């Protein structure tokens, strides 16, 4: 956080499967690699809505649950802001329609003292009319809570995607989960571990040659 403003990269990691191996993993031995059972039982999926705070590298106020609709995302943003309710918040997100929903606009408007009746009607008029009008409202720099959307087809620029790949490698890909509750518990436990021992800002670097266009 800088000057009382949190800059947070946010996105969903969807369809995280709770897979239970049908046989235990055999650990490494001298001259022998670890052996992981390839057959498994499926116990369902969870969706992680994650926040990567740019200045600290911490994953704050995560949501892990079965659904990921527009109300789920708006509720997640509300919970995140509640962790520091007097601060300013900038959320970096991709262009998924869930991230520009009428539900989210109405919540930001209520937070910023904008009357709901002044916002028009979804699909017909005013701020709520279309994705473009809702996005213009949500990116308004005058709002204490606002959004910055990465260009279309560049969601990989969102730093939380880097952290999602870490979670996939360290927890999900080789994990063994007895239930969706077990999966959720292990994801949250890893987030706590990351924040305690590994959190640091990502440094964007470029060492190649510019493209000739």
N, C-alpha and C. Protein backbone atom coordinates (compact mmCIF):
# COMPACT_ATOMS: atom_id res chain seq x y z
N UNK A 1 0.84 -1.19 0.00
CA UNK A 1 0.00 0.00 0.00
C UNK A 1 0.87 1.24 0.00
N UNK A 2 0.49 2.25 -0.79
CA UNK A 2 1.22 3.50 -0.86
C UNK A 2 0.25 4.66 -0.73
N UNK A 3 0.56 5.61 0.15
CA UNK A 3 -0.25 6.80 0.34
C UNK A 3 -1.70 6.46 0.64
N UNK A 4 -1.92 5.42 1.45
CA UNK A 4 -3.27 5.08 1.86
C UNK A 4 -4.11 4.42 0.79
N UNK A 5 -3.49 3.91 -0.26
CA UNK A 5 -4.22 3.26 -1.36
C UNK A 5 -3.66 1.86 -1.59
N UNK A 6 -4.51 0.86 -1.58
CA UNK A 6 -4.12 -0.51 -1.90
C UNK A 6 -4.26 -0.72 -3.40
N UNK A 7 -3.24 -1.28 -4.03
CA UNK A 7 -3.33 -1.71 -5.43
C UNK A 7 -3.31 -3.22 -5.45
N UNK A 8 -4.39 -3.81 -5.93
CA UNK A 8 -4.60 -5.25 -5.80
C UNK A 8 -4.95 -5.85 -7.17
N UNK A 9 -4.26 -6.89 -7.54
CA UNK A 9 -4.60 -7.66 -8.74
C UNK A 9 -5.58 -8.76 -8.34
N UNK A 10 -6.70 -8.84 -9.04
CA UNK A 10 -7.75 -9.77 -8.64
C UNK A 10 -8.20 -10.59 -9.84
N UNK A 11 -8.49 -11.87 -9.60
CA UNK A 11 -9.04 -12.73 -10.64
C UNK A 11 -9.51 -14.03 -10.00
N UNK A 12 -10.16 -14.86 -10.82
CA UNK A 12 -10.64 -16.16 -10.34
C UNK A 12 -9.77 -17.29 -10.89
N UNK A 13 -9.48 -18.25 -10.03
CA UNK A 13 -8.88 -19.52 -10.44
C UNK A 13 -10.00 -20.54 -10.35
N UNK A 14 -10.55 -20.90 -11.50
CA UNK A 14 -11.79 -21.69 -11.52
C UNK A 14 -11.52 -23.18 -11.68
N UNK A 15 -12.54 -23.97 -11.33
CA UNK A 15 -12.48 -25.41 -11.58
C UNK A 15 -11.33 -26.13 -10.91
N UNK A 16 -10.95 -25.69 -9.71
CA UNK A 16 -9.87 -26.37 -8.99
C UNK A 16 -10.44 -27.69 -8.45
N UNK A 17 -9.91 -28.80 -8.91
CA UNK A 17 -10.51 -30.09 -8.61
C UNK A 17 -9.97 -30.70 -7.32
N UNK A 18 -10.89 -31.25 -6.53
CA UNK A 18 -10.52 -32.00 -5.34
C UNK A 18 -10.36 -33.46 -5.75
N UNK A 19 -9.12 -33.85 -6.05
CA UNK A 19 -8.82 -35.21 -6.51
C UNK A 19 -8.19 -36.01 -5.38
N UNK A 20 -8.74 -37.18 -5.13
CA UNK A 20 -8.17 -38.07 -4.13
C UNK A 20 -7.54 -39.27 -4.83
N UNK A 21 -6.24 -39.44 -4.66
CA UNK A 21 -5.54 -40.57 -5.28
C UNK A 21 -6.06 -41.88 -4.68
N UNK A 22 -6.21 -42.90 -5.53
CA UNK A 22 -6.76 -44.17 -5.01
C UNK A 22 -5.70 -44.99 -4.29
N UNK A 23 -4.42 -44.58 -4.38
CA UNK A 23 -3.33 -45.26 -3.66
C UNK A 23 -2.35 -44.19 -3.17
N UNK A 24 -1.70 -44.43 -2.04
CA UNK A 24 -0.77 -43.44 -1.50
C UNK A 24 0.43 -43.20 -2.42
N UNK A 25 0.97 -42.00 -2.35
CA UNK A 25 2.20 -41.68 -3.08
C UNK A 25 3.37 -42.39 -2.42
N UNK A 26 4.25 -42.97 -3.24
CA UNK A 26 5.44 -43.61 -2.71
C UNK A 26 6.60 -42.62 -2.76
N UNK A 27 7.22 -42.34 -1.62
CA UNK A 27 8.26 -41.30 -1.58
C UNK A 27 9.53 -41.72 -2.32
N UNK A 28 10.39 -40.73 -2.57
CA UNK A 28 11.68 -40.99 -3.21
C UNK A 28 12.54 -41.89 -2.33
N UNK A 29 13.35 -42.68 -3.00
CA UNK A 29 14.36 -43.50 -2.35
C UNK A 29 15.65 -43.38 -3.16
N UNK A 30 16.77 -43.79 -2.59
CA UNK A 30 18.02 -43.75 -3.37
C UNK A 30 17.87 -44.50 -4.69
N UNK A 31 18.07 -43.79 -5.81
CA UNK A 31 17.97 -44.40 -7.12
C UNK A 31 16.55 -44.56 -7.63
N UNK A 32 15.57 -44.03 -6.92
CA UNK A 32 14.18 -44.20 -7.32
C UNK A 32 13.42 -42.89 -7.14
N UNK A 33 12.69 -42.49 -8.17
CA UNK A 33 11.93 -41.24 -8.10
C UNK A 33 10.63 -41.46 -7.33
N UNK A 34 10.02 -40.36 -6.90
CA UNK A 34 8.72 -40.42 -6.25
C UNK A 34 7.70 -41.00 -7.22
N UNK A 35 6.80 -41.82 -6.72
CA UNK A 35 5.77 -42.42 -7.56
C UNK A 35 4.39 -41.96 -7.09
N UNK A 36 3.68 -41.28 -8.01
CA UNK A 36 2.37 -40.73 -7.70
C UNK A 36 1.30 -41.51 -8.46
N UNK A 37 0.31 -42.00 -7.76
CA UNK A 37 -0.79 -42.74 -8.37
C UNK A 37 -1.53 -41.85 -9.37
N UNK A 38 -1.78 -42.37 -10.59
CA UNK A 38 -2.42 -41.54 -11.61
C UNK A 38 -3.95 -41.65 -11.57
N UNK A 39 -4.50 -42.68 -10.96
CA UNK A 39 -5.95 -42.80 -10.86
C UNK A 39 -6.45 -42.10 -9.60
N UNK A 40 -7.62 -41.51 -9.71
CA UNK A 40 -8.14 -40.74 -8.58
C UNK A 40 -9.66 -40.69 -8.59
N UNK A 41 -10.20 -40.33 -7.44
CA UNK A 41 -11.63 -40.05 -7.32
C UNK A 41 -11.83 -38.54 -7.37
N UNK A 42 -12.91 -38.10 -8.00
CA UNK A 42 -13.24 -36.68 -8.04
C UNK A 42 -14.26 -36.36 -6.95
N UNK A 43 -13.99 -35.33 -6.19
CA UNK A 43 -14.93 -34.93 -5.13
C UNK A 43 -15.58 -33.58 -5.39
N UNK A 44 -15.39 -33.03 -6.59
CA UNK A 44 -15.97 -31.73 -6.90
C UNK A 44 -14.90 -30.67 -7.11
N UNK A 45 -15.34 -29.45 -7.27
CA UNK A 45 -14.42 -28.35 -7.57
C UNK A 45 -14.68 -27.15 -6.66
N UNK A 46 -13.68 -26.29 -6.61
CA UNK A 46 -13.78 -25.02 -5.90
C UNK A 46 -13.24 -23.92 -6.81
N UNK A 47 -13.68 -22.70 -6.54
CA UNK A 47 -13.16 -21.52 -7.24
C UNK A 47 -12.48 -20.63 -6.22
N UNK A 48 -11.26 -20.23 -6.53
CA UNK A 48 -10.53 -19.28 -5.69
C UNK A 48 -10.61 -17.91 -6.34
N UNK A 49 -11.15 -16.93 -5.63
CA UNK A 49 -11.05 -15.54 -6.06
C UNK A 49 -9.92 -14.95 -5.24
N UNK A 50 -8.82 -14.64 -5.91
CA UNK A 50 -7.61 -14.23 -5.21
C UNK A 50 -7.26 -12.78 -5.42
N UNK A 51 -6.66 -12.18 -4.39
CA UNK A 51 -6.17 -10.80 -4.44
C UNK A 51 -4.66 -10.82 -4.20
N UNK A 52 -3.89 -10.36 -5.18
CA UNK A 52 -2.45 -10.23 -5.00
C UNK A 52 -2.13 -8.75 -4.82
N UNK A 53 -1.69 -8.37 -3.60
CA UNK A 53 -1.39 -6.97 -3.33
C UNK A 53 -0.01 -6.64 -3.91
N UNK A 54 0.02 -5.70 -4.84
CA UNK A 54 1.22 -5.42 -5.62
C UNK A 54 2.39 -4.97 -4.73
N UNK A 55 2.13 -4.13 -3.75
CA UNK A 55 3.22 -3.53 -2.95
C UNK A 55 3.85 -4.50 -1.98
N UNK A 56 3.11 -5.52 -1.54
CA UNK A 56 3.61 -6.42 -0.50
C UNK A 56 3.82 -7.85 -0.99
N UNK A 57 3.14 -8.24 -2.07
CA UNK A 57 3.21 -9.63 -2.53
C UNK A 57 2.34 -10.57 -1.72
N UNK A 58 1.51 -10.03 -0.84
CA UNK A 58 0.62 -10.89 -0.05
C UNK A 58 -0.68 -11.17 -0.80
N UNK A 59 -1.27 -12.31 -0.48
CA UNK A 59 -2.58 -12.68 -1.01
C UNK A 59 -3.59 -12.41 0.09
N UNK A 60 -4.40 -11.39 -0.10
CA UNK A 60 -5.26 -10.91 0.98
C UNK A 60 -6.72 -11.26 0.73
N UNK A 61 -7.45 -11.50 1.81
CA UNK A 61 -8.90 -11.73 1.80
C UNK A 61 -9.35 -12.69 0.71
N UNK A 62 -8.79 -13.90 0.64
CA UNK A 62 -9.19 -14.84 -0.41
C UNK A 62 -10.60 -15.38 -0.20
N UNK A 63 -11.25 -15.70 -1.30
CA UNK A 63 -12.55 -16.37 -1.26
C UNK A 63 -12.41 -17.72 -1.94
N UNK A 64 -12.76 -18.80 -1.25
CA UNK A 64 -12.72 -20.14 -1.84
C UNK A 64 -14.10 -20.76 -1.64
N UNK A 65 -14.80 -21.00 -2.76
CA UNK A 65 -16.16 -21.53 -2.68
C UNK A 65 -16.52 -22.18 -4.01
N UNK A 66 -17.74 -22.69 -4.10
CA UNK A 66 -18.13 -23.46 -5.28
C UNK A 66 -18.53 -22.58 -6.46
N UNK A 67 -19.03 -21.39 -6.21
CA UNK A 67 -19.59 -20.57 -7.28
C UNK A 67 -18.76 -19.32 -7.55
N UNK A 68 -19.02 -18.70 -8.74
CA UNK A 68 -18.22 -17.54 -9.13
C UNK A 68 -19.03 -16.55 -9.98
N UNK A 69 -20.29 -16.34 -9.62
CA UNK A 69 -21.15 -15.43 -10.36
C UNK A 69 -20.86 -13.97 -10.02
N UNK A 70 -21.65 -13.08 -10.62
CA UNK A 70 -21.41 -11.65 -10.40
C UNK A 70 -21.63 -11.24 -8.95
N UNK A 71 -22.58 -11.84 -8.28
CA UNK A 71 -22.80 -11.53 -6.86
C UNK A 71 -21.63 -12.03 -6.01
N UNK A 72 -21.09 -13.19 -6.37
CA UNK A 72 -19.93 -13.73 -5.65
C UNK A 72 -18.74 -12.77 -5.76
N UNK A 73 -18.51 -12.26 -6.97
CA UNK A 73 -17.37 -11.36 -7.17
C UNK A 73 -17.58 -10.04 -6.43
N UNK A 74 -18.78 -9.49 -6.52
CA UNK A 74 -19.06 -8.22 -5.82
C UNK A 74 -18.93 -8.40 -4.31
N UNK A 75 -19.41 -9.52 -3.79
CA UNK A 75 -19.28 -9.80 -2.35
C UNK A 75 -17.82 -9.93 -1.97
N UNK A 76 -17.02 -10.57 -2.83
CA UNK A 76 -15.58 -10.70 -2.58
C UNK A 76 -14.91 -9.32 -2.50
N UNK A 77 -15.23 -8.44 -3.43
CA UNK A 77 -14.66 -7.09 -3.41
C UNK A 77 -15.09 -6.35 -2.13
N UNK A 78 -16.34 -6.50 -1.75
CA UNK A 78 -16.83 -5.86 -0.53
C UNK A 78 -16.07 -6.36 0.70
N UNK A 79 -15.84 -7.68 0.77
CA UNK A 79 -15.09 -8.26 1.90
C UNK A 79 -13.65 -7.76 1.91
N UNK A 80 -13.07 -7.61 0.74
CA UNK A 80 -11.69 -7.15 0.65
C UNK A 80 -11.57 -5.72 1.14
N UNK A 81 -12.43 -4.86 0.68
CA UNK A 81 -12.40 -3.45 1.10
C UNK A 81 -12.65 -3.32 2.60
N UNK A 82 -13.46 -4.21 3.15
CA UNK A 82 -13.75 -4.17 4.59
C UNK A 82 -12.53 -4.42 5.46
N UNK A 83 -11.46 -4.99 4.88
CA UNK A 83 -10.24 -5.21 5.67
C UNK A 83 -9.52 -3.90 5.97
N UNK A 84 -9.79 -2.86 5.20
CA UNK A 84 -9.24 -1.53 5.45
C UNK A 84 -10.23 -0.51 4.89
N UNK A 85 -11.35 -0.32 5.60
CA UNK A 85 -12.49 0.40 5.03
C UNK A 85 -12.28 1.88 4.76
N UNK A 86 -11.27 2.50 5.37
CA UNK A 86 -11.04 3.92 5.15
C UNK A 86 -10.04 4.19 4.03
N UNK A 87 -9.39 3.16 3.54
CA UNK A 87 -8.36 3.34 2.51
C UNK A 87 -8.97 3.45 1.12
N UNK A 88 -8.14 3.89 0.17
CA UNK A 88 -8.51 3.80 -1.23
C UNK A 88 -8.11 2.45 -1.78
N UNK A 89 -8.81 2.01 -2.80
CA UNK A 89 -8.54 0.69 -3.38
C UNK A 89 -8.56 0.77 -4.90
N UNK A 90 -7.52 0.23 -5.52
CA UNK A 90 -7.45 0.09 -6.97
C UNK A 90 -7.34 -1.39 -7.29
N UNK A 91 -8.32 -1.92 -8.01
CA UNK A 91 -8.33 -3.34 -8.37
C UNK A 91 -7.98 -3.49 -9.85
N UNK A 92 -6.95 -4.27 -10.12
CA UNK A 92 -6.55 -4.58 -11.50
C UNK A 92 -7.23 -5.89 -11.88
N UNK A 93 -7.99 -5.86 -12.98
CA UNK A 93 -8.78 -7.04 -13.36
C UNK A 93 -8.79 -7.19 -14.87
N UNK A 94 -9.24 -8.37 -15.33
CA UNK A 94 -9.41 -8.55 -16.76
C UNK A 94 -10.83 -8.14 -17.16
N UNK A 95 -11.22 -8.40 -18.40
CA UNK A 95 -12.47 -7.87 -18.94
C UNK A 95 -13.64 -8.83 -18.86
N UNK A 96 -13.58 -9.81 -17.98
CA UNK A 96 -14.71 -10.70 -17.77
C UNK A 96 -15.94 -9.88 -17.36
N UNK A 97 -17.10 -10.21 -17.93
CA UNK A 97 -18.30 -9.41 -17.63
C UNK A 97 -18.65 -9.41 -16.15
N UNK A 98 -18.28 -10.48 -15.44
CA UNK A 98 -18.49 -10.53 -13.99
C UNK A 98 -17.79 -9.36 -13.30
N UNK A 99 -16.69 -8.90 -13.87
CA UNK A 99 -15.91 -7.83 -13.26
C UNK A 99 -16.45 -6.43 -13.59
N UNK A 100 -17.49 -6.38 -14.43
CA UNK A 100 -18.12 -5.09 -14.77
C UNK A 100 -19.63 -5.17 -14.58
N UNK A 101 -20.07 -5.93 -13.61
CA UNK A 101 -21.48 -6.23 -13.46
C UNK A 101 -22.27 -5.08 -12.85
N UNK A 102 -23.58 -5.11 -13.04
CA UNK A 102 -24.47 -4.14 -12.41
C UNK A 102 -24.40 -4.24 -10.89
N UNK A 103 -24.29 -5.45 -10.38
CA UNK A 103 -24.19 -5.65 -8.93
C UNK A 103 -22.97 -4.93 -8.36
N UNK A 104 -21.84 -5.02 -9.06
CA UNK A 104 -20.62 -4.35 -8.61
C UNK A 104 -20.77 -2.83 -8.70
N UNK A 105 -21.36 -2.34 -9.78
CA UNK A 105 -21.58 -0.90 -9.93
C UNK A 105 -22.44 -0.36 -8.79
N UNK A 106 -23.51 -1.06 -8.48
CA UNK A 106 -24.41 -0.60 -7.42
C UNK A 106 -23.70 -0.56 -6.07
N UNK A 107 -22.83 -1.55 -5.82
CA UNK A 107 -22.11 -1.53 -4.54
C UNK A 107 -21.10 -0.39 -4.48
N UNK A 108 -20.33 -0.19 -5.55
CA UNK A 108 -19.36 0.92 -5.57
C UNK A 108 -20.09 2.25 -5.44
N UNK A 109 -21.22 2.38 -6.11
CA UNK A 109 -22.00 3.61 -6.03
C UNK A 109 -22.44 3.89 -4.59
N UNK A 110 -22.91 2.86 -3.90
CA UNK A 110 -23.35 3.05 -2.52
C UNK A 110 -22.19 3.46 -1.62
N UNK A 111 -21.00 2.92 -1.90
CA UNK A 111 -19.82 3.25 -1.10
C UNK A 111 -19.37 4.69 -1.35
N UNK A 112 -19.57 5.16 -2.59
CA UNK A 112 -19.08 6.48 -2.98
C UNK A 112 -20.17 7.55 -2.91
N UNK A 113 -21.31 7.20 -2.34
CA UNK A 113 -22.37 8.19 -2.15
C UNK A 113 -23.11 8.58 -3.42
N UNK A 114 -23.13 7.68 -4.41
CA UNK A 114 -23.86 7.95 -5.66
C UNK A 114 -25.23 7.29 -5.55
N UNK A 115 -26.28 8.05 -5.75
CA UNK A 115 -27.64 7.54 -5.61
C UNK A 115 -27.94 6.47 -6.66
N UNK A 116 -28.51 5.36 -6.22
CA UNK A 116 -28.80 4.25 -7.14
C UNK A 116 -29.77 4.68 -8.24
N UNK A 117 -30.72 5.57 -7.91
CA UNK A 117 -31.71 5.98 -8.91
C UNK A 117 -31.11 6.82 -10.03
N UNK A 118 -29.89 7.29 -9.84
CA UNK A 118 -29.23 8.09 -10.88
C UNK A 118 -28.46 7.23 -11.88
N UNK A 119 -28.42 5.92 -11.66
CA UNK A 119 -27.59 5.04 -12.47
C UNK A 119 -28.29 4.47 -13.69
N UNK A 120 -29.58 4.72 -13.83
CA UNK A 120 -30.31 4.21 -14.98
C UNK A 120 -30.75 2.78 -14.80
N UNK A 121 -30.96 2.09 -15.93
CA UNK A 121 -31.49 0.73 -15.90
C UNK A 121 -30.66 -0.17 -16.81
N UNK A 122 -30.34 -1.35 -16.32
CA UNK A 122 -29.50 -2.28 -17.07
C UNK A 122 -30.12 -2.60 -18.42
N UNK A 123 -29.33 -2.46 -19.47
CA UNK A 123 -29.79 -2.76 -20.82
C UNK A 123 -30.59 -1.66 -21.48
N UNK A 124 -30.86 -0.57 -20.74
CA UNK A 124 -31.73 0.47 -21.29
C UNK A 124 -31.14 1.87 -21.23
N UNK A 125 -30.60 2.26 -20.06
CA UNK A 125 -30.18 3.66 -19.95
C UNK A 125 -29.14 3.86 -18.85
N UNK A 126 -28.44 5.00 -18.92
CA UNK A 126 -27.56 5.43 -17.86
C UNK A 126 -26.32 4.57 -17.68
N UNK A 127 -25.74 4.67 -16.49
CA UNK A 127 -24.52 3.94 -16.17
C UNK A 127 -24.69 2.43 -16.31
N UNK A 128 -25.85 1.94 -15.94
CA UNK A 128 -26.08 0.49 -15.95
C UNK A 128 -26.39 -0.08 -17.32
N UNK A 129 -26.47 0.75 -18.35
CA UNK A 129 -26.96 0.31 -19.65
C UNK A 129 -26.15 -0.83 -20.26
N UNK A 130 -24.83 -0.72 -20.28
CA UNK A 130 -24.01 -1.69 -21.00
C UNK A 130 -22.70 -1.94 -20.27
N UNK A 131 -21.95 -2.91 -20.77
CA UNK A 131 -20.62 -3.17 -20.21
C UNK A 131 -19.75 -1.92 -20.32
N UNK A 132 -19.81 -1.23 -21.45
CA UNK A 132 -18.98 -0.04 -21.66
C UNK A 132 -19.32 1.07 -20.67
N UNK A 133 -20.60 1.31 -20.42
CA UNK A 133 -20.98 2.38 -19.49
C UNK A 133 -20.67 2.00 -18.05
N UNK A 134 -20.83 0.72 -17.73
CA UNK A 134 -20.50 0.28 -16.38
C UNK A 134 -18.98 0.34 -16.14
N UNK A 135 -18.22 -0.05 -17.16
CA UNK A 135 -16.76 0.01 -17.05
C UNK A 135 -16.29 1.46 -16.87
N UNK A 136 -16.89 2.39 -17.59
CA UNK A 136 -16.52 3.80 -17.45
C UNK A 136 -16.75 4.28 -16.03
N UNK A 137 -17.84 3.83 -15.42
CA UNK A 137 -18.14 4.21 -14.03
C UNK A 137 -17.13 3.59 -13.08
N UNK A 138 -16.84 2.31 -13.25
CA UNK A 138 -15.97 1.59 -12.33
C UNK A 138 -14.52 2.05 -12.42
N UNK A 139 -14.12 2.64 -13.54
CA UNK A 139 -12.74 3.13 -13.70
C UNK A 139 -12.60 4.61 -13.36
N UNK A 140 -13.66 5.24 -12.92
CA UNK A 140 -13.63 6.67 -12.61
C UNK A 140 -12.61 6.95 -11.49
N UNK A 141 -11.56 7.73 -11.75
CA UNK A 141 -10.51 7.96 -10.73
C UNK A 141 -10.99 8.76 -9.53
N UNK A 142 -12.18 9.34 -9.61
CA UNK A 142 -12.71 10.10 -8.47
C UNK A 142 -13.26 9.18 -7.38
N UNK A 143 -13.46 7.91 -7.71
CA UNK A 143 -14.03 6.97 -6.74
C UNK A 143 -12.94 6.42 -5.82
N UNK A 144 -13.28 6.23 -4.56
CA UNK A 144 -12.32 5.68 -3.60
C UNK A 144 -12.00 4.22 -3.91
N UNK A 145 -12.96 3.52 -4.47
CA UNK A 145 -12.74 2.15 -4.95
C UNK A 145 -12.95 2.17 -6.46
N UNK A 146 -11.91 1.84 -7.18
CA UNK A 146 -12.02 1.86 -8.64
C UNK A 146 -11.26 0.69 -9.25
N UNK A 147 -11.52 0.47 -10.53
CA UNK A 147 -10.94 -0.67 -11.24
C UNK A 147 -10.10 -0.20 -12.41
N UNK A 148 -9.05 -0.96 -12.68
CA UNK A 148 -8.23 -0.78 -13.88
C UNK A 148 -8.28 -2.10 -14.63
N UNK A 149 -8.68 -2.05 -15.89
CA UNK A 149 -8.83 -3.27 -16.68
C UNK A 149 -7.67 -3.41 -17.66
N UNK A 150 -7.01 -4.57 -17.64
CA UNK A 150 -5.92 -4.80 -18.59
C UNK A 150 -6.51 -4.87 -19.99
N UNK A 151 -5.73 -4.57 -21.03
CA UNK A 151 -6.27 -4.67 -22.40
C UNK A 151 -6.80 -6.07 -22.69
N UNK A 152 -7.75 -6.15 -23.60
CA UNK A 152 -8.32 -7.45 -23.96
C UNK A 152 -7.23 -8.39 -24.48
N UNK A 153 -7.37 -9.67 -24.14
CA UNK A 153 -6.44 -10.73 -24.55
C UNK A 153 -5.07 -10.60 -23.87
N UNK A 154 -5.00 -9.84 -22.79
CA UNK A 154 -3.72 -9.73 -22.07
C UNK A 154 -3.91 -9.99 -20.58
N UNK A 155 -4.82 -10.88 -20.25
CA UNK A 155 -5.07 -11.16 -18.82
C UNK A 155 -3.82 -11.71 -18.13
N UNK A 156 -2.88 -12.26 -18.92
CA UNK A 156 -1.63 -12.77 -18.34
C UNK A 156 -0.79 -11.65 -17.73
N UNK A 157 -1.10 -10.38 -18.05
CA UNK A 157 -0.38 -9.27 -17.44
C UNK A 157 -0.77 -9.05 -15.98
N UNK A 158 -1.90 -9.61 -15.58
CA UNK A 158 -2.37 -9.47 -14.21
C UNK A 158 -1.48 -10.29 -13.29
N UNK A 159 -0.85 -9.65 -12.31
CA UNK A 159 0.15 -10.34 -11.48
C UNK A 159 -0.42 -11.50 -10.68
N UNK A 160 -1.70 -11.48 -10.38
CA UNK A 160 -2.26 -12.61 -9.62
C UNK A 160 -2.16 -13.91 -10.42
N UNK A 161 -2.10 -13.82 -11.76
CA UNK A 161 -1.97 -15.02 -12.57
C UNK A 161 -0.64 -15.72 -12.31
N UNK A 162 0.40 -14.93 -12.03
CA UNK A 162 1.70 -15.52 -11.69
C UNK A 162 1.58 -16.31 -10.40
N UNK A 163 0.89 -15.72 -9.42
CA UNK A 163 0.75 -16.39 -8.14
C UNK A 163 -0.14 -17.64 -8.26
N UNK A 164 -1.17 -17.58 -9.11
CA UNK A 164 -1.99 -18.77 -9.34
C UNK A 164 -1.15 -19.93 -9.85
N UNK A 165 -0.17 -19.65 -10.72
CA UNK A 165 0.67 -20.72 -11.24
C UNK A 165 1.53 -21.33 -10.13
N UNK A 166 1.94 -20.50 -9.17
CA UNK A 166 2.69 -21.01 -8.01
C UNK A 166 1.80 -21.94 -7.19
N UNK A 167 0.58 -21.51 -6.92
CA UNK A 167 -0.36 -22.34 -6.15
C UNK A 167 -0.62 -23.66 -6.86
N UNK A 168 -0.78 -23.62 -8.18
CA UNK A 168 -1.03 -24.85 -8.94
C UNK A 168 0.12 -25.83 -8.80
N UNK A 169 1.35 -25.33 -8.88
CA UNK A 169 2.53 -26.21 -8.79
C UNK A 169 2.74 -26.75 -7.39
N UNK A 170 2.55 -25.90 -6.39
CA UNK A 170 2.92 -26.28 -5.03
C UNK A 170 1.81 -27.02 -4.27
N UNK A 171 0.56 -26.81 -4.67
CA UNK A 171 -0.54 -27.38 -3.89
C UNK A 171 -1.46 -28.26 -4.73
N UNK A 172 -1.91 -27.77 -5.85
CA UNK A 172 -3.01 -28.41 -6.57
C UNK A 172 -2.55 -29.59 -7.42
N UNK A 173 -1.52 -29.38 -8.22
CA UNK A 173 -1.17 -30.36 -9.25
C UNK A 173 -0.83 -31.73 -8.69
N UNK A 174 -0.10 -31.79 -7.61
CA UNK A 174 0.31 -33.08 -7.04
C UNK A 174 -0.39 -33.36 -5.71
N UNK A 175 -1.43 -32.60 -5.45
CA UNK A 175 -2.11 -32.74 -4.17
C UNK A 175 -3.03 -33.95 -4.09
N UNK A 176 -3.43 -34.27 -2.88
CA UNK A 176 -4.36 -35.37 -2.62
C UNK A 176 -5.41 -34.83 -1.66
N UNK A 177 -6.67 -34.77 -2.12
CA UNK A 177 -7.72 -34.09 -1.35
C UNK A 177 -8.90 -35.03 -1.12
N UNK A 178 -9.26 -35.21 0.12
CA UNK A 178 -10.32 -36.15 0.48
C UNK A 178 -11.71 -35.60 0.21
N UNK A 179 -11.83 -34.27 0.06
CA UNK A 179 -13.13 -33.62 -0.14
C UNK A 179 -12.88 -32.19 -0.60
N UNK A 180 -13.95 -31.51 -1.00
CA UNK A 180 -13.78 -30.09 -1.37
C UNK A 180 -13.41 -29.27 -0.14
N UNK A 181 -13.89 -29.68 1.04
CA UNK A 181 -13.52 -28.98 2.27
C UNK A 181 -12.02 -29.12 2.54
N UNK A 182 -11.49 -30.31 2.27
CA UNK A 182 -10.05 -30.54 2.44
C UNK A 182 -9.25 -29.69 1.46
N UNK A 183 -9.72 -29.60 0.22
CA UNK A 183 -9.07 -28.76 -0.79
C UNK A 183 -9.07 -27.30 -0.35
N UNK A 184 -10.22 -26.83 0.10
CA UNK A 184 -10.33 -25.44 0.53
C UNK A 184 -9.38 -25.16 1.70
N UNK A 185 -9.34 -26.07 2.66
CA UNK A 185 -8.48 -25.90 3.83
C UNK A 185 -7.01 -25.82 3.44
N UNK A 186 -6.61 -26.67 2.48
CA UNK A 186 -5.20 -26.69 2.08
C UNK A 186 -4.82 -25.45 1.26
N UNK A 187 -5.75 -24.95 0.45
CA UNK A 187 -5.49 -23.71 -0.27
C UNK A 187 -5.31 -22.55 0.71
N UNK A 188 -6.20 -22.44 1.68
CA UNK A 188 -6.11 -21.35 2.65
C UNK A 188 -4.86 -21.49 3.52
N UNK A 189 -4.48 -22.73 3.84
CA UNK A 189 -3.27 -22.95 4.64
C UNK A 189 -2.03 -22.52 3.86
N UNK A 190 -2.02 -22.80 2.56
CA UNK A 190 -0.87 -22.37 1.76
C UNK A 190 -0.81 -20.85 1.64
N UNK A 191 -1.96 -20.22 1.50
CA UNK A 191 -1.99 -18.75 1.44
C UNK A 191 -1.42 -18.16 2.72
N UNK A 192 -1.80 -18.71 3.86
CA UNK A 192 -1.27 -18.23 5.15
C UNK A 192 0.24 -18.44 5.21
N UNK A 193 0.71 -19.60 4.74
CA UNK A 193 2.15 -19.88 4.71
C UNK A 193 2.87 -18.91 3.79
N UNK A 194 2.31 -18.69 2.61
CA UNK A 194 2.91 -17.74 1.65
C UNK A 194 3.03 -16.35 2.26
N UNK A 195 1.97 -15.87 2.87
CA UNK A 195 1.99 -14.53 3.45
C UNK A 195 3.00 -14.41 4.59
N UNK A 196 3.19 -15.50 5.30
CA UNK A 196 4.09 -15.49 6.46
C UNK A 196 5.55 -15.61 6.07
N UNK A 197 5.85 -16.36 5.00
CA UNK A 197 7.25 -16.71 4.73
C UNK A 197 7.76 -16.35 3.33
N UNK A 198 6.88 -16.18 2.36
CA UNK A 198 7.34 -16.05 0.97
C UNK A 198 6.90 -14.77 0.27
N UNK A 199 6.01 -14.01 0.87
CA UNK A 199 5.42 -12.86 0.18
C UNK A 199 6.47 -11.79 -0.14
N UNK A 200 6.49 -11.37 -1.39
CA UNK A 200 7.33 -10.26 -1.81
C UNK A 200 6.78 -9.74 -3.14
N UNK A 201 7.00 -8.47 -3.43
CA UNK A 201 6.49 -7.94 -4.70
C UNK A 201 7.17 -8.61 -5.89
N UNK A 202 6.43 -8.75 -6.97
CA UNK A 202 7.03 -9.23 -8.20
C UNK A 202 7.73 -8.07 -8.90
N UNK A 203 8.87 -8.37 -9.49
CA UNK A 203 9.61 -7.36 -10.25
C UNK A 203 9.52 -7.71 -11.74
N UNK A 204 8.91 -6.80 -12.48
CA UNK A 204 8.82 -7.01 -13.92
C UNK A 204 10.18 -6.73 -14.54
N UNK A 205 10.70 -7.67 -15.30
CA UNK A 205 12.01 -7.48 -15.94
C UNK A 205 11.89 -7.79 -17.42
N UNK A 206 12.79 -7.19 -18.20
CA UNK A 206 12.82 -7.47 -19.63
C UNK A 206 14.27 -7.53 -20.07
N UNK A 207 14.69 -8.65 -20.60
CA UNK A 207 16.09 -8.80 -20.98
C UNK A 207 16.25 -9.14 -22.46
N UNK A 208 15.16 -9.23 -23.19
CA UNK A 208 15.24 -9.58 -24.60
C UNK A 208 15.41 -8.37 -25.49
N UNK A 209 15.19 -8.58 -26.79
CA UNK A 209 15.31 -7.49 -27.76
C UNK A 209 13.94 -7.04 -28.20
N UNK A 210 13.74 -5.76 -28.45
CA UNK A 210 12.43 -5.28 -28.90
C UNK A 210 12.03 -5.95 -30.22
N UNK A 211 10.72 -6.16 -30.38
CA UNK A 211 10.21 -6.74 -31.62
C UNK A 211 10.27 -5.71 -32.74
N UNK A 212 10.55 -6.15 -33.92
CA UNK A 212 10.47 -5.30 -35.11
C UNK A 212 9.11 -5.49 -35.75
N UNK A 213 8.31 -4.46 -35.74
CA UNK A 213 6.95 -4.55 -36.28
C UNK A 213 6.88 -3.76 -37.58
